[in-house]
Amino acid sequence: MSRKSGIIILTLIIVSLCIPMIGIYAWQAKQTHLVEPDVEVSLRFIYSSITFSFDGNADSVKIIKVTQAMTFVPPAFKIVEVEFDCTHEGYGDRSGSNLPKVSTHHNAILHVTEGKVTMMTIDGIWDEINQKKL
């Protein structure tokens, strides 16, 4: 066998081994773009929350972290941390208030249990579900 034939055969073997690996990599990369159900539930809740719907900036919403809570008693829940900006300070429905237009960054913590948001606090001081200070 000539040197040229050997190089061609070696190249074909390497390419045939790489194609499945490239396919697996592409499939895994695609999978990471899927939004898990608890994150989707959290985002829908954020967008429909009173504080965010008053003056939230949709482009600023960012999922920071999703954590499985360690519980001894069922049901288990996920903790979803989300950041977003509003164009005014404060929380809840602020209509009728004379608020200066100041961009305000918020950090929200949501608990998602069995596909439902059971708690949402903003900046550690506002209970979004019950619309009151903690």
C-alpha atoms as a PDB file:
ATOM      1  CA  MET A   1       0.000   0.000   0.000  1.00  0.00           C
ATOM      2  CA  SER A   2       1.318   3.396  -0.910  1.00  0.00           C
ATOM      3  CA  ARG A   3       1.779   6.229   1.544  1.00  0.00           C
ATOM      4  CA  LYS A   4      -0.978   8.238  -0.220  1.00  0.00           C
ATOM      5  CA  SER A   5      -3.481   5.358   0.138  1.00  0.00           C
ATOM      6  CA  GLY A   6      -2.606   4.982   3.822  1.00  0.00           C
ATOM      7  CA  ILE A   7      -3.216   8.688   4.474  1.00  0.00           C
ATOM      8  CA  ILE A   8      -6.579   8.553   2.680  1.00  0.00           C
ATOM      9  CA  ILE A   9      -7.690   5.478   4.670  1.00  0.00           C
ATOM     10  CA  LEU A  10      -6.542   7.042   7.956  1.00  0.00           C
ATOM     11  CA  THR A  11      -8.414  10.264   7.117  1.00  0.00           C
ATOM     12  CA  LEU A  12     -11.607   8.302   6.339  1.00  0.00           C
ATOM     13  CA  ILE A  13     -11.347   6.421   9.641  1.00  0.00           C
ATOM     14  CA  ILE A  14     -10.862   9.636  11.633  1.00  0.00           C
ATOM     15  CA  VAL A  15     -13.772  11.350   9.861  1.00  0.00           C
ATOM     16  CA  SER A  16     -16.064   8.337  10.380  1.00  0.00           C
ATOM     17  CA  LEU A  17     -15.250   8.388  14.114  1.00  0.00           C
ATOM     18  CA  CYS A  18     -15.772  12.154  14.442  1.00  0.00           C
ATOM     19  CA  ILE A  19     -19.193  12.371  12.763  1.00  0.00           C
ATOM     20  CA  PRO A  20     -21.089  10.565  15.584  1.00  0.00           C
ATOM     21  CA  MET A  21     -19.264  12.661  18.200  1.00  0.00           C
ATOM     22  CA  ILE A  22     -20.221  15.864  16.393  1.00  0.00           C
ATOM     23  CA  GLY A  23     -23.844  14.685  16.252  1.00  0.00           C
ATOM     24  CA  ILE A  24     -23.895  13.919  19.977  1.00  0.00           C
ATOM     25  CA  TYR A  25     -22.339  17.306  20.783  1.00  0.00           C
ATOM     26  CA  ALA A  26     -24.915  19.104  18.622  1.00  0.00           C
ATOM     27  CA  TRP A  27     -27.756  17.181  20.288  1.00  0.00           C
ATOM     28  CA  GLN A  28     -26.462  18.029  23.786  1.00  0.00           C
ATOM     29  CA  ALA A  29     -26.013  21.702  22.870  1.00  0.00           C
ATOM     30  CA  LYS A  30     -29.609  21.774  21.626  1.00  0.00           C
ATOM     31  CA  GLN A  31     -30.845  20.208  24.875  1.00  0.00           C
ATOM     32  CA  THR A  32     -29.309  22.947  27.018  1.00  0.00           C
ATOM     33  CA  HIS A  33     -31.517  25.554  25.329  1.00  0.00           C
ATOM     34  CA  LEU A  34     -34.712  23.880  26.509  1.00  0.00           C
ATOM     35  CA  VAL A  35     -36.402  25.712  29.383  1.00  0.00           C
ATOM     36  CA  GLU A  36     -37.266  23.458  32.283  1.00  0.00           C
ATOM     37  CA  PRO A  37     -40.934  23.564  33.347  1.00  0.00           C
ATOM     38  CA  ASP A  38     -40.247  25.204  36.738  1.00  0.00           C
ATOM     39  CA  VAL A  39     -38.365  28.052  35.061  1.00  0.00           C
ATOM     40  CA  GLU A  40     -41.173  28.515  32.541  1.00  0.00           C
ATOM     41  CA  VAL A  41     -43.756  28.634  35.357  1.00  0.00           C
ATOM     42  CA  SER A  42     -41.575  31.160  37.213  1.00  0.00           C
ATOM     43  CA  LEU A  43     -41.197  33.419  34.183  1.00  0.00           C
ATOM     44  CA  ARG A  44     -44.938  33.414  33.490  1.00  0.00           C
ATOM     45  CA  PHE A  45     -45.545  34.286  37.146  1.00  0.00           C
ATOM     46  CA  ILE A  46     -42.986  37.125  37.080  1.00  0.00           C
ATOM     47  CA  TYR A  47     -44.464  38.647  33.908  1.00  0.00           C
ATOM     48  CA  SER A  48     -47.986  38.528  35.349  1.00  0.00           C
ATOM     49  CA  SER A  49     -47.009  39.705  38.857  1.00  0.00           C
ATOM     50  CA  ILE A  50     -48.369  43.041  40.002  1.00  0.00           C
ATOM     51  CA  THR A  51     -44.937  44.599  40.600  1.00  0.00           C
ATOM     52  CA  PHE A  52     -43.578  43.588  37.202  1.00  0.00           C
ATOM     53  CA  SER A  53     -46.737  44.316  35.206  1.00  0.00           C
ATOM     54  CA  PHE A  54     -46.833  47.854  36.621  1.00  0.00           C
ATOM     55  CA  ASP A  55     -43.518  48.903  35.029  1.00  0.00           C
ATOM     56  CA  GLY A  56     -41.192  45.925  34.543  1.00  0.00           C
ATOM     57  CA  ASN A  57     -38.684  45.790  31.702  1.00  0.00           C
ATOM     58  CA  ALA A  58     -39.083  42.443  29.879  1.00  0.00           C
ATOM     59  CA  ASP A  59     -35.591  42.732  28.367  1.00  0.00           C
ATOM     60  CA  SER A  60     -34.042  42.811  31.843  1.00  0.00           C
ATOM     61  CA  VAL A  61     -35.472  39.510  33.108  1.00  0.00           C
ATOM     62  CA  LYS A  62     -32.695  37.038  33.841  1.00  0.00           C
ATOM     63  CA  ILE A  63     -32.774  33.612  35.489  1.00  0.00           C
ATOM     64  CA  ILE A  64     -29.900  33.570  37.969  1.00  0.00           C
ATOM     65  CA  LYS A  65     -30.157  30.155  39.562  1.00  0.00           C
ATOM     66  CA  VAL A  66     -32.456  27.152  39.926  1.00  0.00           C
ATOM     67  CA  THR A  67     -31.974  24.974  43.001  1.00  0.00           C
ATOM     68  CA  GLN A  68     -33.721  21.858  44.197  1.00  0.00           C
ATOM     69  CA  ALA A  69     -34.755  22.566  47.792  1.00  0.00           C
ATOM     70  CA  MET A  70     -33.707  20.026  50.385  1.00  0.00           C
ATOM     71  CA  THR A  71     -36.901  19.026  52.187  1.00  0.00           C
ATOM     72  CA  PHE A  72     -37.662  16.232  54.629  1.00  0.00           C
ATOM     73  CA  VAL A  73     -41.402  16.467  54.121  1.00  0.00           C
ATOM     74  CA  PRO A  74     -42.998  16.283  50.660  1.00  0.00           C
ATOM     75  CA  PRO A  75     -43.780  17.933  48.389  1.00  0.00           C
ATOM     76  CA  ALA A  76     -40.368  18.919  47.102  1.00  0.00           C
ATOM     77  CA  PHE A  77     -39.943  22.326  45.474  1.00  0.00           C
ATOM     78  CA  LYS A  78     -37.494  24.266  43.352  1.00  0.00           C
ATOM     79  CA  ILE A  79     -36.092  27.663  44.261  1.00  0.00           C
ATOM     80  CA  VAL A  80     -35.822  29.935  41.231  1.00  0.00           C
ATOM     81  CA  GLU A  81     -33.873  33.185  41.523  1.00  0.00           C
ATOM     82  CA  VAL A  82     -34.729  35.860  38.953  1.00  0.00           C
ATOM     83  CA  GLU A  83     -33.509  39.432  38.426  1.00  0.00           C
ATOM     84  CA  PHE A  84     -35.423  42.172  36.638  1.00  0.00           C
ATOM     85  CA  ASP A  85     -35.635  45.955  36.385  1.00  0.00           C
ATOM     86  CA  CYS A  86     -38.572  48.306  36.818  1.00  0.00           C
ATOM     87  CA  THR A  87     -38.802  51.948  35.761  1.00  0.00           C
ATOM     88  CA  HIS A  88     -39.976  53.113  39.209  1.00  0.00           C
ATOM     89  CA  GLU A  89     -39.040  52.230  42.753  1.00  0.00           C
ATOM     90  CA  GLY A  90     -41.324  50.288  45.052  1.00  0.00           C
ATOM     91  CA  TYR A  91     -43.463  47.166  44.858  1.00  0.00           C
ATOM     92  CA  GLY A  92     -46.977  46.125  43.912  1.00  0.00           C
ATOM     93  CA  ASP A  93     -49.506  48.389  42.244  1.00  0.00           C
ATOM     94  CA  ARG A  94     -48.094  51.887  42.481  1.00  0.00           C
ATOM     95  CA  SER A  95     -50.653  53.584  40.271  1.00  0.00           C
ATOM     96  CA  GLY A  96     -51.798  56.884  41.695  1.00  0.00           C
ATOM     97  CA  SER A  97     -48.472  57.347  43.470  1.00  0.00           C
ATOM     98  CA  ASN A  98     -46.205  60.225  42.515  1.00  0.00           C
ATOM     99  CA  LEU A  99     -43.053  58.227  41.827  1.00  0.00           C
ATOM    100  CA  PRO A 100     -39.840  59.532  40.297  1.00  0.00           C
ATOM    101  CA  LYS A 101     -38.812  57.612  37.197  1.00  0.00           C
ATOM    102  CA  VAL A 102     -35.790  55.753  38.569  1.00  0.00           C
ATOM    103  CA  SER A 103     -34.610  52.431  37.163  1.00  0.00           C
ATOM    104  CA  THR A 104     -34.769  49.931  40.016  1.00  0.00           C
ATOM    105  CA  HIS A 105     -33.106  46.522  39.977  1.00  0.00           C
ATOM    106  CA  HIS A 106     -34.960  43.711  41.763  1.00  0.00           C
ATOM    107  CA  ASN A 107     -34.034  40.216  42.876  1.00  0.00           C
ATOM    108  CA  ALA A 108     -36.955  37.780  43.157  1.00  0.00           C
ATOM    109  CA  ILE A 109     -36.973  34.374  44.817  1.00  0.00           C
ATOM    110  CA  LEU A 110     -39.747  32.002  43.776  1.00  0.00           C
ATOM    111  CA  HIS A 111     -40.684  28.602  45.168  1.00  0.00           C
ATOM    112  CA  VAL A 112     -42.250  26.282  42.595  1.00  0.00           C
ATOM    113  CA  THR A 113     -44.107  23.261  43.961  1.00  0.00           C
ATOM    114  CA  GLU A 114     -45.704  20.743  41.614  1.00  0.00           C
ATOM    115  CA  GLY A 115     -45.751  23.228  38.729  1.00  0.00           C
ATOM    116  CA  LYS A 116     -47.175  26.125  40.735  1.00  0.00           C
ATOM    117  CA  VAL A 117     -45.529  29.192  42.309  1.00  0.00           C
ATOM    118  CA  THR A 118     -46.185  28.965  46.051  1.00  0.00           C
ATOM    119  CA  MET A 119     -44.011  31.890  47.167  1.00  0.00           C
ATOM    120  CA  MET A 120     -42.410  34.943  45.616  1.00  0.00           C
ATOM    121  CA  THR A 121     -40.397  37.514  47.486  1.00  0.00           C
ATOM    122  CA  ILE A 122     -38.729  40.548  45.974  1.00  0.00           C
ATOM    123  CA  ASP A 123     -35.492  41.959  47.391  1.00  0.00           C
ATOM    124  CA  GLY A 124     -36.088  39.962  50.576  1.00  0.00           C
ATOM    125  CA  ILE A 125     -38.626  42.535  51.787  1.00  0.00           C
ATOM    126  CA  TRP A 126     -41.778  42.166  49.655  1.00  0.00           C
ATOM    127  CA  ASP A 127     -44.242  39.264  49.532  1.00  0.00           C
ATOM    128  CA  GLU A 128     -45.551  39.463  45.955  1.00  0.00           C
ATOM    129  CA  ILE A 129     -48.325  36.894  46.424  1.00  0.00           C
ATOM    130  CA  ASN A 130     -49.858  38.608  49.481  1.00  0.00           C
ATOM    131  CA  GLN A 131     -48.834  42.135  48.388  1.00  0.00           C
ATOM    132  CA  LYS A 132     -47.278  43.158  51.693  1.00  0.00           C
ATOM    133  CA  LYS A 133     -43.917  43.843  53.323  1.00  0.00           C
ATOM    134  CA  LEU A 134     -42.284  40.911  55.028  1.00  0.00           C
END
